[in-house]
């Protein structure tokens, strides 16, 4: 549940960092697609949450379909968010190693 609030911050930070690092088109495309998946699944989750709230407010049980969509969208967001974090970490580490090898203080 905590990831629902943190995921947009992760998307913004990683997307900005990768764009700023001027990576290849493939990396930027992967980050863009994962960002869209995270945001899209979060929007789907919140829309489904609204539907579930309305059903409960009307005194009905939440339909299995609504529950399934909420669970799938949460899982999709979590997986895409983790992949986005991993990709961002790889970009960060490789960017740091590139910068260090070009440094005046490099031992290489």
PDB file of N, CA and C in Angstrom:
ATOM      1  N   UNK A   1       0.818  -1.198   0.000  1.00  0.00           N
ATOM      2  CA  UNK A   1       0.000   0.000   0.000  1.00  0.00           C
ATOM      3  C   UNK A   1       0.859   1.258   0.000  1.00  0.00           C
ATOM      4  N   UNK A   2       1.998   1.202   0.690  1.00  0.00           N
ATOM      5  CA  UNK A   2       2.888   2.352   0.765  1.00  0.00           C
ATOM      6  C   UNK A   2       3.426   2.724  -0.617  1.00  0.00           C
ATOM      7  N   UNK A   3       3.656   1.696  -1.475  1.00  0.00           N
ATOM      8  CA  UNK A   3       4.184   1.927  -2.817  1.00  0.00           C
ATOM      9  C   UNK A   3       3.262   2.742  -3.695  1.00  0.00           C
ATOM     10  N   UNK A   4       1.988   2.728  -3.392  1.00  0.00           N
ATOM     11  CA  UNK A   4       1.031   3.490  -4.189  1.00  0.00           C
ATOM     12  C   UNK A   4       1.323   4.983  -4.093  1.00  0.00           C
ATOM     13  N   UNK A   5       1.821   5.406  -2.965  1.00  0.00           N
ATOM     14  CA  UNK A   5       2.130   6.823  -2.788  1.00  0.00           C
ATOM     15  C   UNK A   5       3.557   7.165  -3.199  1.00  0.00           C
ATOM     16  N   UNK A   6       4.463   6.194  -3.091  1.00  0.00           N
ATOM     17  CA  UNK A   6       5.871   6.432  -3.388  1.00  0.00           C
ATOM     18  C   UNK A   6       6.180   6.258  -4.878  1.00  0.00           C
ATOM     19  N   UNK A   7       5.443   5.412  -5.561  1.00  0.00           N
ATOM     20  CA  UNK A   7       5.734   5.096  -6.958  1.00  0.00           C
ATOM     21  C   UNK A   7       5.822   6.324  -7.871  1.00  0.00           C
ATOM     22  N   UNK A   8       4.914   7.286  -7.783  1.00  0.00           N
ATOM     23  CA  UNK A   8       5.066   8.458  -8.652  1.00  0.00           C
ATOM     24  C   UNK A   8       6.352   9.231  -8.394  1.00  0.00           C
ATOM     25  N   UNK A   9       6.802   9.257  -7.153  1.00  0.00           N
ATOM     26  CA  UNK A   9       8.069   9.927  -6.842  1.00  0.00           C
ATOM     27  C   UNK A   9       9.247   9.172  -7.442  1.00  0.00           C
ATOM     28  N   UNK A  10       9.193   7.852  -7.386  1.00  0.00           N
ATOM     29  CA  UNK A  10      10.245   7.030  -7.984  1.00  0.00           C
ATOM     30  C   UNK A  10      10.286   7.253  -9.490  1.00  0.00           C
ATOM     31  N   UNK A  11       9.119   7.256 -10.115  1.00  0.00           N
ATOM     32  CA  UNK A  11       9.046   7.466 -11.560  1.00  0.00           C
ATOM     33  C   UNK A  11       9.654   8.810 -11.929  1.00  0.00           C
ATOM     34  N   UNK A  12       9.270   9.846 -11.225  1.00  0.00           N
ATOM     35  CA  UNK A  12       9.784  11.187 -11.539  1.00  0.00           C
ATOM     36  C   UNK A  12      11.294  11.270 -11.355  1.00  0.00           C
ATOM     37  N   UNK A  13      11.805  10.702 -10.277  1.00  0.00           N
ATOM     38  CA  UNK A  13      13.244  10.780  -9.998  1.00  0.00           C
ATOM     39  C   UNK A  13      14.061   9.984 -11.012  1.00  0.00           C
ATOM     40  N   UNK A  14      13.662   8.749 -11.273  1.00  0.00           N
ATOM     41  CA  UNK A  14      14.419   7.908 -12.200  1.00  0.00           C
ATOM     42  C   UNK A  14      14.320   8.447 -13.619  1.00  0.00           C
ATOM     43  N   UNK A  15      13.129   8.838 -14.032  1.00  0.00           N
ATOM     44  CA  UNK A  15      12.952   9.356 -15.389  1.00  0.00           C
ATOM     45  C   UNK A  15      13.816  10.597 -15.604  1.00  0.00           C
ATOM     46  N   UNK A  16      13.810  11.508 -14.639  1.00  0.00           N
ATOM     47  CA  UNK A  16      14.616  12.728 -14.750  1.00  0.00           C
ATOM     48  C   UNK A  16      16.103  12.407 -14.780  1.00  0.00           C
ATOM     49  N   UNK A  17      16.536  11.490 -13.937  1.00  0.00           N
ATOM     50  CA  UNK A  17      17.956  11.132 -13.887  1.00  0.00           C
ATOM     51  C   UNK A  17      18.426  10.490 -15.181  1.00  0.00           C
ATOM     52  N   UNK A  18      17.617   9.615 -15.749  1.00  0.00           N
ATOM     53  CA  UNK A  18      18.021   8.943 -16.991  1.00  0.00           C
ATOM     54  C   UNK A  18      18.035   9.926 -18.159  1.00  0.00           C
ATOM     55  N   UNK A  19      17.045  10.793 -18.220  1.00  0.00           N
ATOM     56  CA  UNK A  19      17.027  11.792 -19.292  1.00  0.00           C
ATOM     57  C   UNK A  19      18.231  12.727 -19.151  1.00  0.00           C
ATOM     58  N   UNK A  20      18.554  13.113 -17.927  1.00  0.00           N
ATOM     59  CA  UNK A  20      19.683  14.017 -17.694  1.00  0.00           C
ATOM     60  C   UNK A  20      21.016  13.360 -18.014  1.00  0.00           C
ATOM     61  N   UNK A  21      21.084  12.027 -17.928  1.00  0.00           N
ATOM     62  CA  UNK A  21      22.344  11.337 -18.196  1.00  0.00           C
ATOM     63  C   UNK A  21      22.596  11.138 -19.689  1.00  0.00           C
ATOM     64  N   UNK A  22      21.662  11.555 -20.505  1.00  0.00           N
ATOM     65  CA  UNK A  22      21.773  11.482 -21.968  1.00  0.00           C
ATOM     66  C   UNK A  22      22.153  10.080 -22.437  1.00  0.00           C
ATOM     67  N   UNK A  23      21.306   9.133 -22.108  1.00  0.00           N
ATOM     68  CA  UNK A  23      21.509   7.739 -22.476  1.00  0.00           C
ATOM     69  C   UNK A  23      21.011   7.457 -23.883  1.00  0.00           C
ATOM     70  N   UNK A  24      21.225   6.219 -24.309  1.00  0.00           N
ATOM     71  CA  UNK A  24      20.803   5.804 -25.646  1.00  0.00           C
ATOM     72  C   UNK A  24      19.278   5.788 -25.742  1.00  0.00           C
ATOM     73  N   UNK A  25      18.818   5.768 -26.955  1.00  0.00           N
ATOM     74  CA  UNK A  25      17.374   5.772 -27.207  1.00  0.00           C
ATOM     75  C   UNK A  25      16.702   4.552 -26.591  1.00  0.00           C
ATOM     76  N   UNK A  26      17.385   3.400 -26.598  1.00  0.00           N
ATOM     77  CA  UNK A  26      16.808   2.181 -26.033  1.00  0.00           C
ATOM     78  C   UNK A  26      16.571   2.292 -24.532  1.00  0.00           C
ATOM     79  N   UNK A  27      17.527   2.861 -23.820  1.00  0.00           N
ATOM     80  CA  UNK A  27      17.378   3.035 -22.368  1.00  0.00           C
ATOM     81  C   UNK A  27      16.256   4.023 -22.076  1.00  0.00           C
ATOM     82  N   UNK A  28      16.243   5.122 -22.809  1.00  0.00           N
ATOM     83  CA  UNK A  28      15.192   6.129 -22.593  1.00  0.00           C
ATOM     84  C   UNK A  28      13.820   5.544 -22.915  1.00  0.00           C
ATOM     85  N   UNK A  29      13.741   4.724 -23.961  1.00  0.00           N
ATOM     86  CA  UNK A  29      12.466   4.083 -24.306  1.00  0.00           C
ATOM     87  C   UNK A  29      12.028   3.124 -23.200  1.00  0.00           C
ATOM     88  N   UNK A  30      12.959   2.327 -22.672  1.00  0.00           N
ATOM     89  CA  UNK A  30      12.612   1.386 -21.599  1.00  0.00           C
ATOM     90  C   UNK A  30      12.126   2.124 -20.360  1.00  0.00           C
ATOM     91  N   UNK A  31      12.815   3.193 -19.997  1.00  0.00           N
ATOM     92  CA  UNK A  31      12.401   3.977 -18.825  1.00  0.00           C
ATOM     93  C   UNK A  31      11.044   4.623 -19.079  1.00  0.00           C
ATOM     94  N   UNK A  32      10.834   5.109 -20.277  1.00  0.00           N
ATOM     95  CA  UNK A  32       9.544   5.743 -20.607  1.00  0.00           C
ATOM     96  C   UNK A  32       8.403   4.733 -20.533  1.00  0.00           C
ATOM     97  N   UNK A  33       8.609   3.553 -21.099  1.00  0.00           N
ATOM     98  CA  UNK A  33       7.558   2.522 -21.086  1.00  0.00           C
ATOM     99  C   UNK A  33       7.265   2.085 -19.648  1.00  0.00           C
ATOM    100  N   UNK A  34       8.307   1.837 -18.863  1.00  0.00           N
ATOM    101  CA  UNK A  34       8.082   1.438 -17.469  1.00  0.00           C
ATOM    102  C   UNK A  34       7.386   2.541 -16.676  1.00  0.00           C
ATOM    103  N   UNK A  35       7.739   3.787 -16.950  1.00  0.00           N
ATOM    104  CA  UNK A  35       7.087   4.911 -16.263  1.00  0.00           C
ATOM    105  C   UNK A  35       5.604   4.968 -16.606  1.00  0.00           C
ATOM    106  N   UNK A  36       5.287   4.780 -17.878  1.00  0.00           N
ATOM    107  CA  UNK A  36       3.879   4.792 -18.303  1.00  0.00           C
ATOM    108  C   UNK A  36       3.120   3.630 -17.666  1.00  0.00           C
ATOM    109  N   UNK A  37       3.755   2.478 -17.577  1.00  0.00           N
ATOM    110  CA  UNK A  37       3.105   1.310 -16.950  1.00  0.00           C
ATOM    111  C   UNK A  37       2.825   1.579 -15.473  1.00  0.00           C
ATOM    112  N   UNK A  38       3.805   2.142 -14.769  1.00  0.00           N
ATOM    113  CA  UNK A  38       3.606   2.435 -13.343  1.00  0.00           C
ATOM    114  C   UNK A  38       2.471   3.434 -13.163  1.00  0.00           C
ATOM    115  N   UNK A  39       2.520   4.526 -13.899  1.00  0.00           N
ATOM    116  CA  UNK A  39       1.492   5.561 -13.753  1.00  0.00           C
ATOM    117  C   UNK A  39       0.124   5.043 -14.203  1.00  0.00           C
ATOM    118  N   UNK A  40       0.089   4.325 -15.321  1.00  0.00           N
ATOM    119  CA  UNK A  40      -1.180   3.784 -15.816  1.00  0.00           C
ATOM    120  C   UNK A  40      -1.809   2.791 -14.857  1.00  0.00           C
ATOM    121  N   UNK A  41      -0.986   1.940 -14.269  1.00  0.00           N
ATOM    122  CA  UNK A  41      -1.542   0.970 -13.329  1.00  0.00           C
ATOM    123  C   UNK A  41      -1.988   1.641 -12.031  1.00  0.00           C
ATOM    124  N   UNK A  42      -1.313   2.710 -11.649  1.00  0.00           N
ATOM    125  CA  UNK A  42      -1.770   3.448 -10.464  1.00  0.00           C
ATOM    126  C   UNK A  42      -3.097   4.145 -10.722  1.00  0.00           C
ATOM    127  N   UNK A  43      -3.252   4.708 -11.906  1.00  0.00           N
ATOM    128  CA  UNK A  43      -4.532   5.338 -12.261  1.00  0.00           C
ATOM    129  C   UNK A  43      -5.635   4.281 -12.278  1.00  0.00           C
ATOM    130  N   UNK A  44      -5.330   3.128 -12.838  1.00  0.00           N
ATOM    131  CA  UNK A  44      -6.305   2.033 -12.858  1.00  0.00           C
ATOM    132  C   UNK A  44      -6.656   1.606 -11.438  1.00  0.00           C
ATOM    133  N   UNK A  45      -5.641   1.511 -10.568  1.00  0.00           N
ATOM    134  CA  UNK A  45      -5.897   1.133  -9.182  1.00  0.00           C
ATOM    135  C   UNK A  45      -6.841   2.128  -8.513  1.00  0.00           C
ATOM    136  N   UNK A  46      -6.559   3.415  -8.650  1.00  0.00           N
ATOM    137  CA  UNK A  46      -7.391   4.413  -7.973  1.00  0.00           C
ATOM    138  C   UNK A  46      -8.808   4.444  -8.538  1.00  0.00           C
ATOM    139  N   UNK A  47      -8.964   4.234  -9.844  1.00  0.00           N
ATOM    140  CA  UNK A  47     -10.307   4.167 -10.431  1.00  0.00           C
ATOM    141  C   UNK A  47     -11.055   2.943  -9.888  1.00  0.00           C
ATOM    142  N   UNK A  48     -10.343   1.831  -9.779  1.00  0.00           N
ATOM    143  CA  UNK A  48     -10.951   0.611  -9.243  1.00  0.00           C
ATOM    144  C   UNK A  48     -11.276   0.770  -7.760  1.00  0.00           C
ATOM    145  N   UNK A  49     -10.403   1.453  -7.042  1.00  0.00           N
ATOM    146  CA  UNK A  49     -10.654   1.714  -5.631  1.00  0.00           C
ATOM    147  C   UNK A  49     -11.943   2.526  -5.477  1.00  0.00           C
ATOM    148  N   UNK A  50     -12.136   3.501  -6.359  1.00  0.00           N
ATOM    149  CA  UNK A  50     -13.368   4.297  -6.320  1.00  0.00           C
ATOM    150  C   UNK A  50     -14.599   3.448  -6.567  1.00  0.00           C
ATOM    151  N   UNK A  51     -14.487   2.529  -7.514  1.00  0.00           N
ATOM    152  CA  UNK A  51     -15.600   1.620  -7.800  1.00  0.00           C
ATOM    153  C   UNK A  51     -15.894   0.734  -6.593  1.00  0.00           C
ATOM    154  N   UNK A  52     -14.842   0.200  -5.989  1.00  0.00           N
ATOM    155  CA  UNK A  52     -15.027  -0.656  -4.806  1.00  0.00           C
ATOM    156  C   UNK A  52     -15.645   0.136  -3.662  1.00  0.00           C
ATOM    157  N   UNK A  53     -15.205   1.373  -3.486  1.00  0.00           N
ATOM    158  CA  UNK A  53     -15.764   2.217  -2.432  1.00  0.00           C
ATOM    159  C   UNK A  53     -17.256   2.455  -2.668  1.00  0.00           C
ATOM    160  N   UNK A  54     -17.618   2.746  -3.920  1.00  0.00           N
ATOM    161  CA  UNK A  54     -19.031   2.966  -4.248  1.00  0.00           C
ATOM    162  C   UNK A  54     -19.863   1.713  -3.990  1.00  0.00           C
ATOM    163  N   UNK A  55     -19.309   0.543  -4.339  1.00  0.00           N
ATOM    164  CA  UNK A  55     -20.038  -0.704  -4.100  1.00  0.00           C
ATOM    165  C   UNK A  55     -20.250  -0.930  -2.602  1.00  0.00           C
ATOM    166  N   UNK A  56     -19.224  -0.726  -1.826  1.00  0.00           N
ATOM    167  CA  UNK A  56     -19.358  -0.898  -0.377  1.00  0.00           C
ATOM    168  C   UNK A  56     -20.285   0.143   0.236  1.00  0.00           C
ATOM    169  N   UNK A  57     -20.212   1.363  -0.284  1.00  0.00           N
ATOM    170  CA  UNK A  57     -21.068   2.434   0.216  1.00  0.00           C
ATOM    171  C   UNK A  57     -22.538   2.146  -0.065  1.00  0.00           C
ATOM    172  N   UNK A  58     -22.806   1.421  -1.155  1.00  0.00           N
ATOM    173  CA  UNK A  58     -24.176   1.058  -1.500  1.00  0.00           C
ATOM    174  C   UNK A  58     -24.640  -0.189  -0.755  1.00  0.00           C
ATOM    175  N   UNK A  59     -23.770  -0.747   0.088  1.00  0.00           N
ATOM    176  CA  UNK A  59     -24.159  -1.909   0.883  1.00  0.00           C
ATOM    177  C   UNK A  59     -23.958  -3.222   0.157  1.00  0.00           C
ATOM    178  N   UNK A  60     -23.250  -3.207  -0.962  1.00  0.00           N
ATOM    179  CA  UNK A  60     -22.984  -4.444  -1.710  1.00  0.00           C
ATOM    180  C   UNK A  60     -21.546  -4.886  -1.444  1.00  0.00           C
ATOM    181  N   UNK A  61     -21.310  -6.158  -1.707  1.00  0.00           N
ATOM    182  CA  UNK A  61     -19.944  -6.664  -1.635  1.00  0.00           C
ATOM    183  C   UNK A  61     -19.178  -6.197  -2.866  1.00  0.00           C
ATOM    184  N   UNK A  62     -17.879  -6.062  -2.710  1.00  0.00           N
ATOM    185  CA  UNK A  62     -17.047  -5.703  -3.860  1.00  0.00           C
ATOM    186  C   UNK A  62     -17.027  -6.898  -4.804  1.00  0.00           C
ATOM    187  N   UNK A  63     -17.304  -6.633  -6.065  1.00  0.00           N
ATOM    188  CA  UNK A  63     -17.361  -7.716  -7.048  1.00  0.00           C
ATOM    189  C   UNK A  63     -15.978  -8.328  -7.240  1.00  0.00           C
ATOM    190  N   UNK A  64     -15.947  -9.624  -7.566  1.00  0.00           N
ATOM    191  CA  UNK A  64     -14.654 -10.284  -7.784  1.00  0.00           C
ATOM    192  C   UNK A  64     -13.840  -9.632  -8.906  1.00  0.00           C
ATOM    193  N   UNK A  65     -14.525  -9.139  -9.927  1.00  0.00           N
ATOM    194  CA  UNK A  65     -13.825  -8.481 -11.026  1.00  0.00           C
ATOM    195  C   UNK A  65     -13.124  -7.205 -10.585  1.00  0.00           C
ATOM    196  N   UNK A  66     -13.807  -6.437  -9.765  1.00  0.00           N
ATOM    197  CA  UNK A  66     -13.213  -5.201  -9.240  1.00  0.00           C
ATOM    198  C   UNK A  66     -12.011  -5.523  -8.366  1.00  0.00           C
ATOM    199  N   UNK A  67     -12.147  -6.529  -7.543  1.00  0.00           N
ATOM    200  CA  UNK A  67     -11.046  -6.939  -6.676  1.00  0.00           C
ATOM    201  C   UNK A  67      -9.864  -7.452  -7.494  1.00  0.00           C
ATOM    202  N   UNK A  68     -10.146  -8.224  -8.530  1.00  0.00           N
ATOM    203  CA  UNK A  68      -9.097  -8.760  -9.394  1.00  0.00           C
ATOM    204  C   UNK A  68      -8.340  -7.632 -10.104  1.00  0.00           C
ATOM    205  N   UNK A  69      -9.073  -6.669 -10.648  1.00  0.00           N
ATOM    206  CA  UNK A  69      -8.434  -5.546 -11.342  1.00  0.00           C
ATOM    207  C   UNK A  69      -7.570  -4.733 -10.382  1.00  0.00           C
ATOM    208  N   UNK A  70      -8.053  -4.515  -9.181  1.00  0.00           N
ATOM    209  CA  UNK A  70      -7.262  -3.777  -8.186  1.00  0.00           C
ATOM    210  C   UNK A  70      -5.982  -4.526  -7.847  1.00  0.00           C
ATOM    211  N   UNK A  71      -6.079  -5.840  -7.664  1.00  0.00           N
ATOM    212  CA  UNK A  71      -4.893  -6.634  -7.344  1.00  0.00           C
ATOM    213  C   UNK A  71      -3.908  -6.681  -8.506  1.00  0.00           C
ATOM    214  N   UNK A  72      -4.415  -6.861  -9.723  1.00  0.00           N
ATOM    215  CA  UNK A  72      -3.539  -6.892 -10.889  1.00  0.00           C
ATOM    216  C   UNK A  72      -2.849  -5.553 -11.117  1.00  0.00           C
ATOM    217  N   UNK A  73      -3.574  -4.477 -10.955  1.00  0.00           N
ATOM    218  CA  UNK A  73      -2.957  -3.166 -11.170  1.00  0.00           C
ATOM    219  C   UNK A  73      -1.911  -2.859 -10.096  1.00  0.00           C
ATOM    220  N   UNK A  74      -2.162  -3.280  -8.872  1.00  0.00           N
ATOM    221  CA  UNK A  74      -1.171  -3.087  -7.807  1.00  0.00           C
ATOM    222  C   UNK A  74       0.080  -3.909  -8.084  1.00  0.00           C
ATOM    223  N   UNK A  75      -0.107  -5.157  -8.479  1.00  0.00           N
ATOM    224  CA  UNK A  75       1.036  -6.017  -8.799  1.00  0.00           C
ATOM    225  C   UNK A  75       1.828  -5.518  -9.990  1.00  0.00           C
ATOM    226  N   UNK A  76       1.120  -5.063 -11.013  1.00  0.00           N
ATOM    227  CA  UNK A  76       1.790  -4.527 -12.203  1.00  0.00           C
ATOM    228  C   UNK A  76       2.604  -3.303 -11.848  1.00  0.00           C
ATOM    229  N   UNK A  77       2.036  -2.438 -11.045  1.00  0.00           N
ATOM    230  CA  UNK A  77       2.755  -1.241 -10.624  1.00  0.00           C
ATOM    231  C   UNK A  77       3.988  -1.600  -9.813  1.00  0.00           C
ATOM    232  N   UNK A  78       3.872  -2.584  -8.946  1.00  0.00           N
ATOM    233  CA  UNK A  78       5.008  -2.993  -8.109  1.00  0.00           C
ATOM    234  C   UNK A  78       6.138  -3.570  -8.955  1.00  0.00           C
ATOM    235  N   UNK A  79       5.815  -4.452  -9.879  1.00  0.00           N
ATOM    236  CA  UNK A  79       6.839  -5.071 -10.723  1.00  0.00           C
ATOM    237  C   UNK A  79       7.507  -4.017 -11.612  1.00  0.00           C
ATOM    238  N   UNK A  80       6.708  -3.178 -12.249  1.00  0.00           N
ATOM    239  CA  UNK A  80       7.274  -2.135 -13.106  1.00  0.00           C
ATOM    240  C   UNK A  80       8.098  -1.139 -12.291  1.00  0.00           C
ATOM    241  N   UNK A  81       7.660  -0.846 -11.079  1.00  0.00           N
ATOM    242  CA  UNK A  81       8.412   0.066 -10.218  1.00  0.00           C
ATOM    243  C   UNK A  81       9.764  -0.503  -9.827  1.00  0.00           C
ATOM    244  N   UNK A  82       9.805  -1.793  -9.497  1.00  0.00           N
ATOM    245  CA  UNK A  82      11.073  -2.437  -9.151  1.00  0.00           C
ATOM    246  C   UNK A  82      11.995  -2.475 -10.365  1.00  0.00           C
ATOM    247  N   UNK A  83      11.468  -2.827 -11.528  1.00  0.00           N
ATOM    248  CA  UNK A  83      12.279  -2.822 -12.745  1.00  0.00           C
ATOM    249  C   UNK A  83      12.809  -1.423 -13.043  1.00  0.00           C
ATOM    250  N   UNK A  84      11.993  -0.428 -12.823  1.00  0.00           N
ATOM    251  CA  UNK A  84      12.415   0.956 -13.040  1.00  0.00           C
ATOM    252  C   UNK A  84      13.526   1.342 -12.073  1.00  0.00           C
ATOM    253  N   UNK A  85      13.402   0.933 -10.824  1.00  0.00           N
ATOM    254  CA  UNK A  85      14.467   1.200  -9.841  1.00  0.00           C
ATOM    255  C   UNK A  85      15.772   0.508 -10.221  1.00  0.00           C
ATOM    256  N   UNK A  86      15.687  -0.736 -10.659  1.00  0.00           N
ATOM    257  CA  UNK A  86      16.881  -1.472 -11.060  1.00  0.00           C
ATOM    258  C   UNK A  86      17.533  -0.798 -12.263  1.00  0.00           C
ATOM    259  N   UNK A  87      16.737  -0.442 -13.252  1.00  0.00           N
ATOM    260  CA  UNK A  87      17.277   0.230 -14.429  1.00  0.00           C
ATOM    261  C   UNK A  87      17.896   1.570 -14.055  1.00  0.00           C
ATOM    262  N   UNK A  88      17.255   2.299 -13.172  1.00  0.00           N
ATOM    263  CA  UNK A  88      17.810   3.571 -12.707  1.00  0.00           C
ATOM    264  C   UNK A  88      19.112   3.382 -11.967  1.00  0.00           C
ATOM    265  N   UNK A  89      19.211   2.326 -11.154  1.00  0.00           N
ATOM    266  CA  UNK A  89      20.451   2.051 -10.423  1.00  0.00           C
ATOM    267  C   UNK A  89      21.582   1.687 -11.380  1.00  0.00           C
ATOM    268  N   UNK A  90      21.268   0.909 -12.397  1.00  0.00           N
ATOM    269  CA  UNK A  90      22.279   0.543 -13.392  1.00  0.00           C
ATOM    270  C   UNK A  90      22.776   1.787 -14.126  1.00  0.00           C
ATOM    271  N   UNK A  91      21.859   2.645 -14.516  1.00  0.00           N
ATOM    272  CA  UNK A  91      22.247   3.884 -15.198  1.00  0.00           C
ATOM    273  C   UNK A  91      23.109   4.746 -14.276  1.00  0.00           C
ATOM    274  N   UNK A  92      22.732   4.838 -13.017  1.00  0.00           N
ATOM    275  CA  UNK A  92      23.504   5.638 -12.069  1.00  0.00           C
ATOM    276  C   UNK A  92      24.917   5.095 -11.896  1.00  0.00           C
ATOM    277  N   UNK A  93      25.046   3.782 -11.704  1.00  0.00           N
ATOM    278  CA  UNK A  93      26.362   3.177 -11.494  1.00  0.00           C
ATOM    279  C   UNK A  93      27.227   3.322 -12.740  1.00  0.00           C
ATOM    280  N   UNK A  94      26.671   3.065 -13.906  1.00  0.00           N
ATOM    281  CA  UNK A  94      27.472   3.184 -15.131  1.00  0.00           C
ATOM    282  C   UNK A  94      27.824   4.640 -15.421  1.00  0.00           C
ATOM    283  N   UNK A  95      26.946   5.555 -15.076  1.00  0.00           N
ATOM    284  CA  UNK A  95      27.254   6.974 -15.269  1.00  0.00           C
ATOM    285  C   UNK A  95      28.388   7.396 -14.342  1.00  0.00           C
ATOM    286  N   UNK A  96      28.361   6.900 -13.110  1.00  0.00           N
ATOM    287  CA  UNK A  96      29.421   7.248 -12.174  1.00  0.00           C
ATOM    288  C   UNK A  96      30.760   6.667 -12.633  1.00  0.00           C
ATOM    289  N   UNK A  97      30.744   5.445 -13.159  1.00  0.00           N
ATOM    290  CA  UNK A  97      31.999   4.840 -13.614  1.00  0.00           C
ATOM    291  C   UNK A  97      32.520   5.550 -14.863  1.00  0.00           C
ATOM    292  N   UNK A  98      31.631   6.000 -15.723  1.00  0.00           N
ATOM    293  CA  UNK A  98      32.053   6.775 -16.899  1.00  0.00           C
ATOM    294  C   UNK A  98      32.678   8.094 -16.477  1.00  0.00           C
ATOM    295  N   UNK A  99      32.045   8.758 -15.527  1.00  0.00           N
ATOM    296  CA  UNK A  99      32.570  10.032 -15.055  1.00  0.00           C
ATOM    297  C   UNK A  99      33.909   9.875 -14.359  1.00  0.00           C
ATOM    298  N   UNK A 100      34.071   8.818 -13.585  1.00  0.00           N
ATOM    299  CA  UNK A 100      35.337   8.584 -12.887  1.00  0.00           C
ATOM    300  C   UNK A 100      36.470   8.265 -13.837  1.00  0.00           C
ATOM    301  N   UNK A 101      36.167   7.558 -14.922  1.00  0.00           N
ATOM    302  CA  UNK A 101      37.241   7.207 -15.869  1.00  0.00           C
ATOM    303  C   UNK A 101      37.706   8.408 -16.659  1.00  0.00           C
ATOM    304  N   UNK A 102      36.902   9.436 -16.765  1.00  0.00           N
ATOM    305  CA  UNK A 102      37.278  10.671 -17.459  1.00  0.00           C
ATOM    306  C   UNK A 102      37.874  11.713 -16.524  1.00  0.00           C
ATOM    307  N   UNK A 103      37.950  11.393 -15.264  1.00  0.00           N
ATOM    308  CA  UNK A 103      38.411  12.339 -14.269  1.00  0.00           C
ATOM    309  C   UNK A 103      39.938  12.508 -14.321  1.00  0.00           C
ATOM    310  N   UNK A 104      40.393  13.673 -13.931  1.00  0.00           N
ATOM    311  CA  UNK A 104      41.824  13.958 -13.852  1.00  0.00           C
ATOM    312  C   UNK A 104      42.461  13.066 -12.792  1.00  0.00           C
ATOM    313  N   UNK A 105      41.688  12.710 -11.769  1.00  0.00           N
ATOM    314  CA  UNK A 105      42.205  11.923 -10.659  1.00  0.00           C
ATOM    315  C   UNK A 105      42.079  10.421 -10.888  1.00  0.00           C
ATOM    316  N   UNK A 106      41.682  10.025 -12.071  1.00  0.00           N
ATOM    317  CA  UNK A 106      41.505   8.606 -12.370  1.00  0.00           C
ATOM    318  C   UNK A 106      42.856   7.897 -12.356  1.00  0.00           C
ATOM    319  N   UNK A 107      42.874   6.673 -11.840  1.00  0.00           N
ATOM    320  CA  UNK A 107      44.108   5.902 -11.774  1.00  0.00           C
ATOM    321  C   UNK A 107      44.261   5.002 -12.995  1.00  0.00           C
ATOM    322  N   UNK A 108      43.371   5.084 -13.921  1.00  0.00           N
ATOM    323  CA  UNK A 108      43.440   4.209 -15.106  1.00  0.00           C
ATOM    324  C   UNK A 108      44.362   4.752 -16.148  1.00  0.00           C
TER     325      UNK A 108
END
